[in-house]
Amino acid sequence: MSIGGVEQTVRGYTLHRRRLSALLYLATGAEERGRGREALETLEKLAGEEVDRETRKALLESRLPPDEDGR
């Protein structure tokens, strides 16, 4: 799973980057409450694969890359 593309496929559903960012935001909130491993495992289950290095780093550092339009 990569957050670099415009869309991501998660369990057969296509998510626009903004929706993926919202999912990462929720997972990051869990990480900030001391449940980082749980947040990462949940994201990996939704994706059906291991989260890539870039996404893992963004999640664990509690920062999300901006969308292409700067949001």
C-alpha atoms as a PDB file:
ATOM      1  CA  MET A   1       0.000   0.000   0.000  1.00  0.00           C
ATOM      2  CA  SER A   2       1.411   3.351  -0.984  1.00  0.00           C
ATOM      3  CA  ILE A   3       0.083   6.794  -0.203  1.00  0.00           C
ATOM      4  CA  GLY A   4       1.921   8.262  -3.184  1.00  0.00           C
ATOM      5  CA  GLY A   5      -0.847   7.502  -5.693  1.00  0.00           C
ATOM      6  CA  VAL A   6      -4.083   9.339  -6.254  1.00  0.00           C
ATOM      7  CA  GLU A   7      -6.203   6.310  -5.351  1.00  0.00           C
ATOM      8  CA  GLN A   8      -5.625   3.214  -3.266  1.00  0.00           C
ATOM      9  CA  THR A   9      -7.362  -0.136  -3.364  1.00  0.00           C
ATOM     10  CA  VAL A  10      -8.273  -1.412   0.085  1.00  0.00           C
ATOM     11  CA  ARG A  11     -10.213  -4.686   0.313  1.00  0.00           C
ATOM     12  CA  GLY A  12     -11.666  -4.198  -3.146  1.00  0.00           C
ATOM     13  CA  TYR A  13     -12.722  -0.596  -2.597  1.00  0.00           C
ATOM     14  CA  THR A  14     -10.981   2.324  -4.207  1.00  0.00           C
ATOM     15  CA  LEU A  15     -10.231   5.102  -1.771  1.00  0.00           C
ATOM     16  CA  HIS A  16      -9.380   8.585  -2.879  1.00  0.00           C
ATOM     17  CA  ARG A  17      -6.242   9.985  -1.288  1.00  0.00           C
ATOM     18  CA  ARG A  18      -8.260  12.248   1.027  1.00  0.00           C
ATOM     19  CA  ARG A  19     -10.152   9.261   2.427  1.00  0.00           C
ATOM     20  CA  LEU A  20      -6.897   7.359   2.916  1.00  0.00           C
ATOM     21  CA  SER A  21      -5.499  10.410   4.716  1.00  0.00           C
ATOM     22  CA  ALA A  22      -8.547  10.395   7.004  1.00  0.00           C
ATOM     23  CA  LEU A  23      -7.970   6.706   7.743  1.00  0.00           C
ATOM     24  CA  LEU A  24      -4.320   7.414   8.542  1.00  0.00           C
ATOM     25  CA  TYR A  25      -5.388  10.313  10.757  1.00  0.00           C
ATOM     26  CA  LEU A  26      -7.633   8.011  12.782  1.00  0.00           C
ATOM     27  CA  ALA A  27      -4.894   5.400  13.025  1.00  0.00           C
ATOM     28  CA  THR A  28      -2.433   8.098  14.087  1.00  0.00           C
ATOM     29  CA  GLY A  29      -4.812   9.142  16.876  1.00  0.00           C
ATOM     30  CA  ALA A  30      -4.640   5.587  18.188  1.00  0.00           C
ATOM     31  CA  GLU A  31      -0.839   5.745  17.942  1.00  0.00           C
ATOM     32  CA  GLU A  32      -0.771   8.956  19.976  1.00  0.00           C
ATOM     33  CA  ARG A  33      -2.777   7.223  22.711  1.00  0.00           C
ATOM     34  CA  GLY A  34       0.042   4.670  23.025  1.00  0.00           C
ATOM     35  CA  ARG A  35      -1.443   2.062  20.719  1.00  0.00           C
ATOM     36  CA  GLY A  36       0.837   2.521  17.698  1.00  0.00           C
ATOM     37  CA  ARG A  37       1.231  -1.184  16.984  1.00  0.00           C
ATOM     38  CA  GLU A  38      -2.548  -1.661  17.169  1.00  0.00           C
ATOM     39  CA  ALA A  39      -3.132   1.235  14.752  1.00  0.00           C
ATOM     40  CA  LEU A  40      -0.601  -0.119  12.294  1.00  0.00           C
ATOM     41  CA  GLU A  41      -2.034  -3.650  12.468  1.00  0.00           C
ATOM     42  CA  THR A  42      -5.550  -2.295  11.854  1.00  0.00           C
ATOM     43  CA  LEU A  43      -4.371  -0.368   8.814  1.00  0.00           C
ATOM     44  CA  GLU A  44      -2.558  -3.456   7.503  1.00  0.00           C
ATOM     45  CA  LYS A  45      -5.692  -5.590   7.966  1.00  0.00           C
ATOM     46  CA  LEU A  46      -7.764  -3.059   6.007  1.00  0.00           C
ATOM     47  CA  ALA A  47      -5.188  -2.971   3.237  1.00  0.00           C
ATOM     48  CA  GLY A  48      -4.778  -6.753   3.194  1.00  0.00           C
ATOM     49  CA  GLU A  49      -1.026  -6.311   3.067  1.00  0.00           C
ATOM     50  CA  GLU A  50       1.838  -4.879   5.058  1.00  0.00           C
ATOM     51  CA  VAL A  51       1.954  -1.092   5.144  1.00  0.00           C
ATOM     52  CA  ASP A  52       4.830   0.298   3.105  1.00  0.00           C
ATOM     53  CA  ARG A  53       7.802   2.073   4.625  1.00  0.00           C
ATOM     54  CA  GLU A  54       6.620   5.602   3.714  1.00  0.00           C
ATOM     55  CA  THR A  55       3.175   5.096   5.269  1.00  0.00           C
ATOM     56  CA  ARG A  56       4.630   3.424   8.362  1.00  0.00           C
ATOM     57  CA  LYS A  57       7.039   6.319   8.867  1.00  0.00           C
ATOM     58  CA  ALA A  58       4.273   8.924   8.462  1.00  0.00           C
ATOM     59  CA  LEU A  59       2.055   7.048  10.920  1.00  0.00           C
ATOM     60  CA  LEU A  60       4.721   6.564  13.550  1.00  0.00           C
ATOM     61  CA  GLU A  61       5.953  10.147  13.245  1.00  0.00           C
ATOM     62  CA  SER A  62       2.324  11.377  13.506  1.00  0.00           C
ATOM     63  CA  ARG A  63       2.487  13.410  10.344  1.00  0.00           C
ATOM     64  CA  LEU A  64       0.725  12.959   7.048  1.00  0.00           C
ATOM     65  CA  PRO A  65       1.995  14.043   3.660  1.00  0.00           C
ATOM     66  CA  PRO A  66      -0.158  16.724   1.968  1.00  0.00           C
ATOM     67  CA  ASP A  67      -2.445  15.906  -0.927  1.00  0.00           C
ATOM     68  CA  GLU A  68      -1.322  16.929  -4.404  1.00  0.00           C
ATOM     69  CA  ASP A  69      -3.420  20.098  -4.077  1.00  0.00           C
ATOM     70  CA  GLY A  70      -1.587  21.043  -0.848  1.00  0.00           C
ATOM     71  CA  ARG A  71      -4.260  20.004   1.677  1.00  0.00           C
END
